C-alpha atoms as a PDB file:
ATOM      1  CA  UNK A   1      15.003   6.534  11.192  1.00  0.00           C
ATOM      2  CA  UNK A   2      12.227   6.891   8.620  1.00  0.00           C
ATOM      3  CA  UNK A   3       8.569   5.815   9.614  1.00  0.00           C
ATOM      4  CA  UNK A   4       5.618   6.253   7.631  1.00  0.00           C
ATOM      5  CA  UNK A   5       1.786   5.387   9.161  1.00  0.00           C
ATOM      6  CA  UNK A   6      -1.020   4.903   6.236  1.00  0.00           C
ATOM      7  CA  UNK A   7      -4.906   4.444   6.320  1.00  0.00           C
ATOM      8  CA  UNK A   8      -6.079   3.153   3.228  1.00  0.00           C
ATOM      9  CA  UNK A   9      -8.005   0.636   1.221  1.00  0.00           C
ATOM     10  CA  UNK A  10      -6.215  -2.279  -1.104  1.00  0.00           C
ATOM     11  CA  UNK A  11      -6.208  -1.821  -4.738  1.00  0.00           C
ATOM     12  CA  UNK A  12      -6.471  -5.530  -5.804  1.00  0.00           C
ATOM     13  CA  UNK A  13      -6.137  -8.524  -4.067  1.00  0.00           C
ATOM     14  CA  UNK A  14      -2.784  -9.222  -2.403  1.00  0.00           C
ATOM     15  CA  UNK A  15       0.147 -11.404  -3.952  1.00  0.00           C
ATOM     16  CA  UNK A  16       2.529 -13.589  -1.868  1.00  0.00           C
ATOM     17  CA  UNK A  17       5.847 -14.925  -3.446  1.00  0.00           C
ATOM     18  CA  UNK A  18       7.841 -17.603  -2.037  1.00  0.00           C
ATOM     19  CA  UNK A  19      11.512 -16.716  -2.631  1.00  0.00           C
ATOM     20  CA  UNK A  20      13.252 -19.403  -0.981  1.00  0.00           C
ATOM     21  CA  UNK A  21      13.877 -19.368   2.662  1.00  0.00           C
ATOM     22  CA  UNK A  22      11.726 -16.146   2.983  1.00  0.00           C
ATOM     23  CA  UNK A  23       8.693 -15.373   1.572  1.00  0.00           C
ATOM     24  CA  UNK A  24       6.883 -11.084   0.316  1.00  0.00           C
ATOM     25  CA  UNK A  25       3.248 -10.159   0.655  1.00  0.00           C
ATOM     26  CA  UNK A  26       2.761  -7.405  -1.944  1.00  0.00           C
ATOM     27  CA  UNK A  27      -0.020  -5.069  -2.249  1.00  0.00           C
ATOM     28  CA  UNK A  28      -0.799  -1.653  -2.902  1.00  0.00           C
ATOM     29  CA  UNK A  29      -3.139   0.634  -0.978  1.00  0.00           C
ATOM     30  CA  UNK A  30      -4.939   3.808  -1.550  1.00  0.00           C
ATOM     31  CA  UNK A  31      -4.883   6.645   0.584  1.00  0.00           C
ATOM     32  CA  UNK A  32      -7.230   9.787   0.119  1.00  0.00           C
ATOM     33  CA  UNK A  33      -7.057  12.981   1.529  1.00  0.00           C
ATOM     34  CA  UNK A  34     -10.366  15.353   1.510  1.00  0.00           C
ATOM     35  CA  UNK A  35     -10.895  18.859   2.417  1.00  0.00           C
ATOM     36  CA  UNK A  36     -12.706  21.864   1.614  1.00  0.00           C
ATOM     37  CA  UNK A  37     -11.468  24.335  -0.440  1.00  0.00           C
ATOM     38  CA  UNK A  38     -11.737  28.405   0.100  1.00  0.00           C
ATOM     39  CA  UNK A  39     -15.265  28.048  -2.215  1.00  0.00           C
ATOM     40  CA  UNK A  40     -16.587  25.474  -0.443  1.00  0.00           C
ATOM     41  CA  UNK A  41     -16.410  22.740  -2.827  1.00  0.00           C
ATOM     42  CA  UNK A  42     -14.850  19.540  -1.535  1.00  0.00           C
ATOM     43  CA  UNK A  43     -12.149  18.519  -3.388  1.00  0.00           C
ATOM     44  CA  UNK A  44      -9.938  14.910  -2.817  1.00  0.00           C
ATOM     45  CA  UNK A  45      -6.978  13.704  -3.795  1.00  0.00           C
ATOM     46  CA  UNK A  46      -5.981  10.101  -3.518  1.00  0.00           C
ATOM     47  CA  UNK A  47      -2.058   8.724  -3.459  1.00  0.00           C
ATOM     48  CA  UNK A  48      -1.058   4.845  -3.957  1.00  0.00           C
ATOM     49  CA  UNK A  49       1.523   2.794  -1.837  1.00  0.00           C
ATOM     50  CA  UNK A  50       2.703  -0.512  -3.622  1.00  0.00           C
ATOM     51  CA  UNK A  51       3.588  -2.024   0.242  1.00  0.00           C
ATOM     52  CA  UNK A  52       5.808  -5.132   0.826  1.00  0.00           C
ATOM     53  CA  UNK A  53       5.553  -7.171   3.869  1.00  0.00           C
ATOM     54  CA  UNK A  54       8.285  -9.364   4.414  1.00  0.00           C
ATOM     55  CA  UNK A  55       8.670 -12.765   6.173  1.00  0.00           C
ATOM     56  CA  UNK A  56       7.488 -15.958   6.834  1.00  0.00           C
ATOM     57  CA  UNK A  57       3.874 -14.697   7.633  1.00  0.00           C
ATOM     58  CA  UNK A  58       1.818 -15.169   4.904  1.00  0.00           C
ATOM     59  CA  UNK A  59      -1.650 -16.704   6.662  1.00  0.00           C
ATOM     60  CA  UNK A  60      -2.536 -12.840   6.722  1.00  0.00           C
ATOM     61  CA  UNK A  61      -2.876 -12.933   2.824  1.00  0.00           C
ATOM     62  CA  UNK A  62      -6.142 -14.615   2.713  1.00  0.00           C
ATOM     63  CA  UNK A  63      -7.567 -11.656   4.278  1.00  0.00           C
ATOM     64  CA  UNK A  64      -5.858  -9.323   2.398  1.00  0.00           C
ATOM     65  CA  UNK A  65      -8.529  -8.535  -0.717  1.00  0.00           C
ATOM     66  CA  UNK A  66      -9.704  -5.700  -2.976  1.00  0.00           C
ATOM     67  CA  UNK A  67     -11.205  -2.785  -0.996  1.00  0.00           C
ATOM     68  CA  UNK A  68     -10.237  -4.143   2.792  1.00  0.00           C
ATOM     69  CA  UNK A  69      -9.072  -1.144   4.833  1.00  0.00           C
ATOM     70  CA  UNK A  70      -5.849  -1.132   6.971  1.00  0.00           C
ATOM     71  CA  UNK A  71      -3.819   0.396   8.759  1.00  0.00           C
ATOM     72  CA  UNK A  72       0.324  -0.274   7.473  1.00  0.00           C
ATOM     73  CA  UNK A  73       3.877   1.367   9.157  1.00  0.00           C
ATOM     74  CA  UNK A  74       6.955   1.052   7.978  1.00  0.00           C
ATOM     75  CA  UNK A  75       9.959   2.831   6.327  1.00  0.00           C
ATOM     76  CA  UNK A  76       9.009   4.410   3.115  1.00  0.00           C
ATOM     77  CA  UNK A  77      10.901   3.426   0.007  1.00  0.00           C
ATOM     78  CA  UNK A  78      10.507   5.686  -3.370  1.00  0.00           C
ATOM     79  CA  UNK A  79      11.345   3.792  -6.514  1.00  0.00           C
ATOM     80  CA  UNK A  80      11.644   4.574 -10.162  1.00  0.00           C
ATOM     81  CA  UNK A  81      11.456   2.108 -13.129  1.00  0.00           C
ATOM     82  CA  UNK A  82      10.962   2.029 -17.050  1.00  0.00           C
ATOM     83  CA  UNK A  83       7.720   0.753 -17.875  1.00  0.00           C
ATOM     84  CA  UNK A  84       7.081  -1.489 -20.850  1.00  0.00           C
ATOM     85  CA  UNK A  85       6.226   1.765 -22.990  1.00  0.00           C
ATOM     86  CA  UNK A  86       9.461   3.119 -22.217  1.00  0.00           C
ATOM     87  CA  UNK A  87       8.387   5.842 -19.602  1.00  0.00           C
ATOM     88  CA  UNK A  88       9.810   6.356 -16.214  1.00  0.00           C
ATOM     89  CA  UNK A  89       7.799   5.554 -13.629  1.00  0.00           C
ATOM     90  CA  UNK A  90       8.214   6.660  -9.760  1.00  0.00           C
ATOM     91  CA  UNK A  91       6.215   4.409  -6.938  1.00  0.00           C
ATOM     92  CA  UNK A  92       6.197   5.442  -3.474  1.00  0.00           C
ATOM     93  CA  UNK A  93       6.585   2.119  -1.533  1.00  0.00           C
ATOM     94  CA  UNK A  94       6.292   1.061   1.903  1.00  0.00           C
ATOM     95  CA  UNK A  95       8.432  -1.926   3.368  1.00  0.00           C
ATOM     96  CA  UNK A  96       6.193  -2.840   5.991  1.00  0.00           C
ATOM     97  CA  UNK A  97       7.029  -3.694   9.416  1.00  0.00           C
ATOM     98  CA  UNK A  98       3.559  -3.246  11.193  1.00  0.00           C
ATOM     99  CA  UNK A  99       0.061  -4.603   9.499  1.00  0.00           C
ATOM    100  CA  UNK A 100      -3.237  -4.313  10.993  1.00  0.00           C
ATOM    101  CA  UNK A 101      -6.360  -5.294   9.440  1.00  0.00           C
ATOM    102  CA  UNK A 102      -9.616  -2.526  10.063  1.00  0.00           C
ATOM    103  CA  UNK A 103     -11.733  -4.611   8.087  1.00  0.00           C
ATOM    104  CA  UNK A 104     -13.865  -2.680   6.682  1.00  0.00           C
ATOM    105  CA  UNK A 105     -14.124  -2.280   2.618  1.00  0.00           C
ATOM    106  CA  UNK A 106     -14.711   0.509   0.058  1.00  0.00           C
END
Protein backbone atom coordinates (compact mmCIF):
# COMPACT_ATOMS: atom_id res chain seq x y z
CA UNK A 1 0.00 0.00 0.00
CA UNK A 2 1.24 3.47 -0.87
CA UNK A 3 0.18 6.62 0.96
CA UNK A 4 1.39 10.21 0.77
CA UNK A 5 0.61 13.01 3.23
CA UNK A 6 1.07 16.69 2.35
CA UNK A 7 0.52 20.05 3.96
CA UNK A 8 0.65 22.91 1.51
CA UNK A 9 -1.15 25.81 -0.14
CA UNK A 10 -3.38 25.77 -3.20
CA UNK A 11 -1.81 27.34 -6.27
CA UNK A 12 -5.16 28.25 -7.83
CA UNK A 13 -8.89 27.86 -7.20
CA UNK A 14 -10.14 24.27 -7.49
CA UNK A 15 -11.98 23.04 -10.57
CA UNK A 16 -14.98 20.70 -10.47
CA UNK A 17 -15.75 18.29 -13.31
CA UNK A 18 -19.06 16.44 -13.55
CA UNK A 19 -18.53 13.01 -15.08
CA UNK A 20 -22.08 11.65 -15.14
CA UNK A 21 -22.41 9.41 -12.08
CA UNK A 22 -19.27 10.83 -10.49
CA UNK A 23 -17.53 14.13 -9.88
CA UNK A 24 -13.92 15.12 -9.37
CA UNK A 25 -12.33 18.18 -7.77
CA UNK A 26 -8.92 19.05 -9.24
CA UNK A 27 -6.47 21.41 -7.57
CA UNK A 28 -2.73 21.97 -7.24
CA UNK A 29 -0.86 22.10 -3.94
CA UNK A 30 2.57 23.65 -3.34
CA UNK A 31 4.68 22.15 -0.55
CA UNK A 32 7.74 24.19 0.46
CA UNK A 33 10.61 22.70 2.45
CA UNK A 34 13.08 25.08 4.11
CA UNK A 35 16.44 24.44 5.71
CA UNK A 36 19.68 26.17 6.64
CA UNK A 37 22.77 25.11 4.67
CA UNK A 38 26.30 24.64 6.05
CA UNK A 39 27.10 28.32 5.45
CA UNK A 40 24.06 29.41 7.52
CA UNK A 41 21.99 30.52 4.50
CA UNK A 42 18.28 29.80 4.45
CA UNK A 43 17.32 27.60 1.50
CA UNK A 44 13.94 26.47 0.21
CA UNK A 45 12.48 24.19 -2.42
CA UNK A 46 8.86 24.06 -3.57
CA UNK A 47 7.31 20.89 -5.02
CA UNK A 48 3.94 20.98 -6.79
CA UNK A 49 1.34 18.22 -6.65
CA UNK A 50 -1.75 17.82 -8.83
CA UNK A 51 -4.57 16.51 -6.63
CA UNK A 52 -7.78 14.74 -7.68
CA UNK A 53 -10.58 14.28 -5.09
CA UNK A 54 -13.21 11.88 -6.46
CA UNK A 55 -16.80 11.44 -5.27
CA UNK A 56 -20.05 13.31 -4.98
CA UNK A 57 -18.78 15.62 -2.24
CA UNK A 58 -17.99 18.70 -4.31
CA UNK A 59 -19.51 21.11 -1.77
CA UNK A 60 -16.01 21.43 -0.30
CA UNK A 61 -14.77 22.92 -3.61
CA UNK A 62 -16.16 26.34 -2.69
CA UNK A 63 -13.54 26.52 0.10
CA UNK A 64 -10.61 25.38 -2.06
CA UNK A 65 -9.36 28.78 -3.18
CA UNK A 66 -5.89 29.94 -4.18
CA UNK A 67 -3.64 30.25 -1.12
CA UNK A 68 -5.75 28.07 1.20
CA UNK A 69 -3.69 25.72 3.34
CA UNK A 70 -4.75 22.06 3.23
CA UNK A 71 -3.76 18.63 4.48
CA UNK A 72 -4.02 15.98 1.74
CA UNK A 73 -3.63 12.24 2.14
CA UNK A 74 -3.85 9.77 -0.70
CA UNK A 75 -2.23 7.47 -3.19
CA UNK A 76 0.67 8.92 -5.22
CA UNK A 77 0.24 8.77 -8.99
CA UNK A 78 3.13 10.02 -11.13
CA UNK A 79 1.97 10.98 -14.61
CA UNK A 80 3.75 12.06 -17.76
CA UNK A 81 2.49 13.71 -20.94
CA UNK A 82 3.66 15.77 -23.90
CA UNK A 83 2.59 19.44 -23.75
CA UNK A 84 1.53 21.69 -26.64
CA UNK A 85 5.18 22.66 -27.22
CA UNK A 86 6.09 18.99 -27.71
CA UNK A 87 7.98 18.77 -24.42
CA UNK A 88 7.73 15.80 -22.07
CA UNK A 89 6.26 16.85 -18.70
CA UNK A 90 6.20 14.81 -15.47
CA UNK A 91 3.54 15.51 -12.84
CA UNK A 92 3.41 14.53 -9.16
CA UNK A 93 -0.19 13.41 -8.74
CA UNK A 94 -2.20 12.46 -5.66
CA UNK A 95 -5.48 10.55 -5.72
CA UNK A 96 -6.92 12.19 -2.59
CA UNK A 97 -8.58 9.97 -0.01
CA UNK A 98 -8.63 12.48 2.86
CA UNK A 99 -8.74 16.28 2.77
CA UNK A 100 -8.65 18.68 5.70
CA UNK A 101 -8.94 22.45 5.32
CA UNK A 102 -6.37 24.10 7.59
CA UNK A 103 -7.71 27.54 6.86
CA UNK A 104 -4.59 29.68 6.62
CA UNK A 105 -3.96 31.60 3.42
CA UNK A 106 -0.48 32.22 2.13
